[in-house]
């Protein structure tokens, strides 16, 4: 009985540490801006999907939720914060749909496994990132109005960068899935 309790405590501590480190990695990925055409890119969407693939759906989703919570309570973890605000005010701004999309994308990416054929893996990676943009543009349209060019503002400038990130994820998916065994 005592061994069982010790193992449960160890697992809880291990998963807590992984979730905290994952949220730190996500915050770092939001702050690094890589010069790219037509807009600078961050690696947030890459890290969200990578966390899903590496950690599995439950732990990755918990990681992203912790990241969002950190931002909502005022820690400057989001891209463009504190420059453009912090906390709930920033969260409910134009990027809220994308940020909420991170939760769903990490969950879907966490469902990727090697038992499926490679084509299914590619579809899940593309769907994960597409979901971020779909939710982001839905929120953006509601916020600024549907009469504005939502796709041109909320997705088009980022497509080339996302194509690069998807390519890197597809190439590295088997290695990332091997890491899940250690978690």
C-alpha atoms as a PDB file:
ATOM      1  CA  UNK A   1       0.000   0.000   0.000  1.00  0.00           C
ATOM      2  CA  UNK A   2       2.816   2.386   0.922  1.00  0.00           C
ATOM      3  CA  UNK A   3       4.650   1.673  -2.355  1.00  0.00           C
ATOM      4  CA  UNK A   4       1.491   2.422  -4.314  1.00  0.00           C
ATOM      5  CA  UNK A   5       1.057   5.775  -2.556  1.00  0.00           C
ATOM      6  CA  UNK A   6       4.718   6.647  -3.147  1.00  0.00           C
ATOM      7  CA  UNK A   7       4.397   5.817  -6.854  1.00  0.00           C
ATOM      8  CA  UNK A   8       1.266   7.978  -7.134  1.00  0.00           C
ATOM      9  CA  UNK A   9       3.063  10.880  -5.459  1.00  0.00           C
ATOM     10  CA  UNK A  10       6.043  10.432  -7.791  1.00  0.00           C
ATOM     11  CA  UNK A  11       3.780  10.413 -10.876  1.00  0.00           C
ATOM     12  CA  UNK A  12       1.939  13.518  -9.689  1.00  0.00           C
ATOM     13  CA  UNK A  13       5.223  15.332  -9.057  1.00  0.00           C
ATOM     14  CA  UNK A  14       6.663  14.193 -12.401  1.00  0.00           C
ATOM     15  CA  UNK A  15       3.580  15.277 -14.389  1.00  0.00           C
ATOM     16  CA  UNK A  16       3.388  18.584 -12.513  1.00  0.00           C
ATOM     17  CA  UNK A  17       7.002  19.332 -13.362  1.00  0.00           C
ATOM     18  CA  UNK A  18       6.469  18.377 -17.021  1.00  0.00           C
ATOM     19  CA  UNK A  19       3.384  20.609 -17.251  1.00  0.00           C
ATOM     20  CA  UNK A  20       5.224  23.571 -15.686  1.00  0.00           C
ATOM     21  CA  UNK A  21       8.261  23.127 -17.942  1.00  0.00           C
ATOM     22  CA  UNK A  22       5.969  22.816 -20.973  1.00  0.00           C
ATOM     23  CA  UNK A  23       4.232  26.086 -20.109  1.00  0.00           C
ATOM     24  CA  UNK A  24       7.639  27.764 -19.768  1.00  0.00           C
ATOM     25  CA  UNK A  25       8.647  26.408 -23.187  1.00  0.00           C
ATOM     26  CA  UNK A  26       5.397  27.744 -24.645  1.00  0.00           C
ATOM     27  CA  UNK A  27       6.013  31.174 -23.070  1.00  0.00           C
ATOM     28  CA  UNK A  28       9.543  31.250 -24.500  1.00  0.00           C
ATOM     29  CA  UNK A  29       8.214  30.269 -27.933  1.00  0.00           C
ATOM     30  CA  UNK A  30       5.840  33.247 -27.795  1.00  0.00           C
ATOM     31  CA  UNK A  31       8.647  35.707 -27.108  1.00  0.00           C
ATOM     32  CA  UNK A  32      11.122  34.679 -29.795  1.00  0.00           C
ATOM     33  CA  UNK A  33      10.325  36.417 -33.069  1.00  0.00           C
ATOM     34  CA  UNK A  34      12.040  34.965 -36.113  1.00  0.00           C
ATOM     35  CA  UNK A  35      12.338  37.251 -39.151  1.00  0.00           C
ATOM     36  CA  UNK A  36      10.110  35.761 -41.834  1.00  0.00           C
ATOM     37  CA  UNK A  37       8.052  36.864 -44.806  1.00  0.00           C
ATOM     38  CA  UNK A  38       5.550  38.585 -44.742  1.00  0.00           C
ATOM     39  CA  UNK A  39       5.468  38.851 -40.922  1.00  0.00           C
ATOM     40  CA  UNK A  40       7.856  37.727 -38.168  1.00  0.00           C
ATOM     41  CA  UNK A  41       6.974  34.301 -36.841  1.00  0.00           C
ATOM     42  CA  UNK A  42       6.866  32.911 -33.353  1.00  0.00           C
ATOM     43  CA  UNK A  43       7.076  29.213 -32.680  1.00  0.00           C
ATOM     44  CA  UNK A  44       3.924  29.026 -30.523  1.00  0.00           C
ATOM     45  CA  UNK A  45       1.840  26.890 -32.868  1.00  0.00           C
ATOM     46  CA  UNK A  46       4.814  24.603 -33.427  1.00  0.00           C
ATOM     47  CA  UNK A  47       5.344  24.150 -29.681  1.00  0.00           C
ATOM     48  CA  UNK A  48       1.612  23.598 -29.042  1.00  0.00           C
ATOM     49  CA  UNK A  49       1.480  20.742 -31.561  1.00  0.00           C
ATOM     50  CA  UNK A  50       4.895  19.434 -30.522  1.00  0.00           C
ATOM     51  CA  UNK A  51       3.740  19.302 -26.894  1.00  0.00           C
ATOM     52  CA  UNK A  52       0.656  17.379 -27.982  1.00  0.00           C
ATOM     53  CA  UNK A  53       2.686  14.855 -29.953  1.00  0.00           C
ATOM     54  CA  UNK A  54       5.339  14.477 -27.255  1.00  0.00           C
ATOM     55  CA  UNK A  55       3.265  14.590 -24.060  1.00  0.00           C
ATOM     56  CA  UNK A  56      -0.010  13.035 -25.169  1.00  0.00           C
ATOM     57  CA  UNK A  57      -3.416  14.675 -25.150  1.00  0.00           C
ATOM     58  CA  UNK A  58      -4.057  14.967 -21.406  1.00  0.00           C
ATOM     59  CA  UNK A  59      -0.709  16.323 -20.254  1.00  0.00           C
ATOM     60  CA  UNK A  60      -0.338  18.613 -23.283  1.00  0.00           C
ATOM     61  CA  UNK A  61      -3.826  20.048 -22.779  1.00  0.00           C
ATOM     62  CA  UNK A  62      -3.077  20.647 -19.096  1.00  0.00           C
ATOM     63  CA  UNK A  63       0.161  22.362 -20.128  1.00  0.00           C
ATOM     64  CA  UNK A  64      -1.603  24.738 -22.517  1.00  0.00           C
ATOM     65  CA  UNK A  65      -4.339  25.466 -19.964  1.00  0.00           C
ATOM     66  CA  UNK A  66      -1.655  26.337 -17.393  1.00  0.00           C
ATOM     67  CA  UNK A  67      -0.005  28.630 -19.953  1.00  0.00           C
ATOM     68  CA  UNK A  68      -3.318  30.390 -20.610  1.00  0.00           C
ATOM     69  CA  UNK A  69      -3.986  30.682 -16.875  1.00  0.00           C
ATOM     70  CA  UNK A  70      -0.551  32.234 -16.366  1.00  0.00           C
ATOM     71  CA  UNK A  71      -1.351  34.807 -19.031  1.00  0.00           C
ATOM     72  CA  UNK A  72      -4.846  35.518 -17.709  1.00  0.00           C
ATOM     73  CA  UNK A  73      -3.557  36.227 -14.190  1.00  0.00           C
ATOM     74  CA  UNK A  74      -1.113  38.752 -15.597  1.00  0.00           C
ATOM     75  CA  UNK A  75       2.175  37.007 -16.225  1.00  0.00           C
ATOM     76  CA  UNK A  76       3.629  38.341 -19.502  1.00  0.00           C
ATOM     77  CA  UNK A  77       3.724  34.949 -21.241  1.00  0.00           C
ATOM     78  CA  UNK A  78       1.737  35.825 -24.370  1.00  0.00           C
ATOM     79  CA  UNK A  79       3.283  37.113 -27.562  1.00  0.00           C
ATOM     80  CA  UNK A  80       3.321  40.941 -27.523  1.00  0.00           C
ATOM     81  CA  UNK A  81       2.792  41.148 -23.779  1.00  0.00           C
ATOM     82  CA  UNK A  82       3.500  43.234 -21.795  1.00  0.00           C
ATOM     83  CA  UNK A  83       3.945  45.687 -24.708  1.00  0.00           C
ATOM     84  CA  UNK A  84       0.277  45.416 -25.734  1.00  0.00           C
ATOM     85  CA  UNK A  85      -1.148  44.581 -22.326  1.00  0.00           C
ATOM     86  CA  UNK A  86      -1.364  41.669 -19.906  1.00  0.00           C
ATOM     87  CA  UNK A  87      -3.928  39.611 -18.100  1.00  0.00           C
ATOM     88  CA  UNK A  88      -7.561  39.104 -18.922  1.00  0.00           C
ATOM     89  CA  UNK A  89      -7.707  42.307 -20.979  1.00  0.00           C
ATOM     90  CA  UNK A  90      -5.008  41.019 -23.340  1.00  0.00           C
ATOM     91  CA  UNK A  91      -6.456  37.504 -23.364  1.00  0.00           C
ATOM     92  CA  UNK A  92      -9.894  38.696 -24.490  1.00  0.00           C
ATOM     93  CA  UNK A  93      -8.380  40.806 -27.265  1.00  0.00           C
ATOM     94  CA  UNK A  94      -7.967  39.876 -30.937  1.00  0.00           C
ATOM     95  CA  UNK A  95      -5.865  36.768 -30.224  1.00  0.00           C
ATOM     96  CA  UNK A  96      -8.250  35.019 -27.812  1.00  0.00           C
ATOM     97  CA  UNK A  97      -9.610  32.635 -30.442  1.00  0.00           C
ATOM     98  CA  UNK A  98      -6.119  31.547 -31.405  1.00  0.00           C
ATOM     99  CA  UNK A  99      -5.153  31.059 -27.758  1.00  0.00           C
ATOM    100  CA  UNK A 100      -8.237  28.923 -27.119  1.00  0.00           C
ATOM    101  CA  UNK A 101      -7.398  27.033 -30.303  1.00  0.00           C
ATOM    102  CA  UNK A 102      -4.109  26.037 -28.653  1.00  0.00           C
ATOM    103  CA  UNK A 103      -6.049  23.888 -26.172  1.00  0.00           C
ATOM    104  CA  UNK A 104      -7.873  21.956 -28.891  1.00  0.00           C
ATOM    105  CA  UNK A 105      -4.794  21.683 -31.115  1.00  0.00           C
ATOM    106  CA  UNK A 106      -2.673  20.208 -28.329  1.00  0.00           C
ATOM    107  CA  UNK A 107      -5.404  17.698 -27.516  1.00  0.00           C
ATOM    108  CA  UNK A 108      -5.784  16.565 -31.141  1.00  0.00           C
ATOM    109  CA  UNK A 109      -2.019  16.400 -31.681  1.00  0.00           C
ATOM    110  CA  UNK A 110      -1.817  14.319 -28.518  1.00  0.00           C
ATOM    111  CA  UNK A 111      -3.996  11.687 -30.167  1.00  0.00           C
ATOM    112  CA  UNK A 112      -1.365  11.048 -32.859  1.00  0.00           C
ATOM    113  CA  UNK A 113       0.212   7.617 -32.642  1.00  0.00           C
ATOM    114  CA  UNK A 114       2.416   5.440 -34.819  1.00  0.00           C
ATOM    115  CA  UNK A 115      -0.217   2.745 -35.233  1.00  0.00           C
ATOM    116  CA  UNK A 116      -1.944   4.985 -37.754  1.00  0.00           C
ATOM    117  CA  UNK A 117      -0.534   5.335 -41.230  1.00  0.00           C
ATOM    118  CA  UNK A 118       1.686   8.295 -41.976  1.00  0.00           C
ATOM    119  CA  UNK A 119      -1.006  10.027 -44.046  1.00  0.00           C
ATOM    120  CA  UNK A 120      -3.325  10.115 -40.992  1.00  0.00           C
ATOM    121  CA  UNK A 121      -0.522  11.606 -38.906  1.00  0.00           C
ATOM    122  CA  UNK A 122       0.020  14.369 -41.479  1.00  0.00           C
ATOM    123  CA  UNK A 123      -3.739  15.099 -41.577  1.00  0.00           C
ATOM    124  CA  UNK A 124      -3.878  15.380 -37.749  1.00  0.00           C
ATOM    125  CA  UNK A 125      -0.934  17.777 -37.667  1.00  0.00           C
ATOM    126  CA  UNK A 126      -2.461  19.972 -40.367  1.00  0.00           C
ATOM    127  CA  UNK A 127      -5.889  19.791 -38.711  1.00  0.00           C
ATOM    128  CA  UNK A 128      -4.419  20.762 -35.331  1.00  0.00           C
ATOM    129  CA  UNK A 129      -2.831  23.935 -36.672  1.00  0.00           C
ATOM    130  CA  UNK A 130      -5.838  24.701 -38.908  1.00  0.00           C
ATOM    131  CA  UNK A 131      -8.100  24.527 -35.869  1.00  0.00           C
ATOM    132  CA  UNK A 132      -6.052  27.251 -34.179  1.00  0.00           C
ATOM    133  CA  UNK A 133      -6.608  29.520 -37.170  1.00  0.00           C
ATOM    134  CA  UNK A 134     -10.290  28.661 -37.573  1.00  0.00           C
ATOM    135  CA  UNK A 135     -11.072  29.499 -33.951  1.00  0.00           C
ATOM    136  CA  UNK A 136      -8.842  32.558 -34.154  1.00  0.00           C
ATOM    137  CA  UNK A 137     -10.606  33.913 -37.215  1.00  0.00           C
ATOM    138  CA  UNK A 138     -14.040  33.188 -35.726  1.00  0.00           C
ATOM    139  CA  UNK A 139     -13.179  35.262 -32.671  1.00  0.00           C
ATOM    140  CA  UNK A 140     -11.508  37.951 -34.771  1.00  0.00           C
ATOM    141  CA  UNK A 141     -14.587  38.218 -37.002  1.00  0.00           C
ATOM    142  CA  UNK A 142     -16.857  38.572 -33.997  1.00  0.00           C
ATOM    143  CA  UNK A 143     -14.552  41.172 -32.476  1.00  0.00           C
ATOM    144  CA  UNK A 144     -13.835  43.441 -35.449  1.00  0.00           C
ATOM    145  CA  UNK A 145     -16.807  42.637 -37.666  1.00  0.00           C
ATOM    146  CA  UNK A 146     -17.425  40.235 -40.502  1.00  0.00           C
ATOM    147  CA  UNK A 147     -17.306  43.015 -43.072  1.00  0.00           C
ATOM    148  CA  UNK A 148     -13.500  43.152 -42.632  1.00  0.00           C
ATOM    149  CA  UNK A 149     -11.106  40.855 -44.556  1.00  0.00           C
ATOM    150  CA  UNK A 150     -10.800  38.317 -41.729  1.00  0.00           C
ATOM    151  CA  UNK A 151      -8.762  35.734 -43.659  1.00  0.00           C
ATOM    152  CA  UNK A 152      -6.344  38.375 -44.968  1.00  0.00           C
ATOM    153  CA  UNK A 153      -5.841  39.761 -41.465  1.00  0.00           C
ATOM    154  CA  UNK A 154      -6.001  36.597 -39.366  1.00  0.00           C
ATOM    155  CA  UNK A 155      -4.436  33.804 -41.407  1.00  0.00           C
ATOM    156  CA  UNK A 156      -2.951  34.727 -44.763  1.00  0.00           C
ATOM    157  CA  UNK A 157       0.180  36.490 -43.423  1.00  0.00           C
ATOM    158  CA  UNK A 158       1.072  33.395 -41.385  1.00  0.00           C
ATOM    159  CA  UNK A 159       0.494  30.613 -43.937  1.00  0.00           C
ATOM    160  CA  UNK A 160       4.052  30.383 -45.234  1.00  0.00           C
ATOM    161  CA  UNK A 161       5.452  30.188 -41.700  1.00  0.00           C
ATOM    162  CA  UNK A 162       2.880  27.539 -40.755  1.00  0.00           C
ATOM    163  CA  UNK A 163       3.815  25.491 -43.810  1.00  0.00           C
ATOM    164  CA  UNK A 164       7.418  25.495 -42.607  1.00  0.00           C
ATOM    165  CA  UNK A 165       6.384  24.493 -39.068  1.00  0.00           C
ATOM    166  CA  UNK A 166       4.102  21.708 -40.348  1.00  0.00           C
ATOM    167  CA  UNK A 167       6.936  20.379 -42.494  1.00  0.00           C
ATOM    168  CA  UNK A 168       9.314  20.291 -39.516  1.00  0.00           C
ATOM    169  CA  UNK A 169       6.667  18.565 -37.382  1.00  0.00           C
ATOM    170  CA  UNK A 170       5.982  15.952 -40.055  1.00  0.00           C
ATOM    171  CA  UNK A 171       9.686  15.224 -40.418  1.00  0.00           C
ATOM    172  CA  UNK A 172      10.216  14.935 -36.657  1.00  0.00           C
ATOM    173  CA  UNK A 173       6.936  13.246 -35.617  1.00  0.00           C
ATOM    174  CA  UNK A 174       8.424   9.766 -35.169  1.00  0.00           C
ATOM    175  CA  UNK A 175      11.205  11.073 -32.923  1.00  0.00           C
ATOM    176  CA  UNK A 176       8.730  13.138 -30.902  1.00  0.00           C
ATOM    177  CA  UNK A 177       6.467  10.131 -30.418  1.00  0.00           C
ATOM    178  CA  UNK A 178       9.412   8.120 -29.085  1.00  0.00           C
ATOM    179  CA  UNK A 179       9.852  10.737 -26.341  1.00  0.00           C
ATOM    180  CA  UNK A 180       6.276  10.056 -25.164  1.00  0.00           C
ATOM    181  CA  UNK A 181       7.395   6.642 -23.900  1.00  0.00           C
ATOM    182  CA  UNK A 182       9.552   8.336 -21.264  1.00  0.00           C
ATOM    183  CA  UNK A 183       6.715  10.487 -19.951  1.00  0.00           C
END
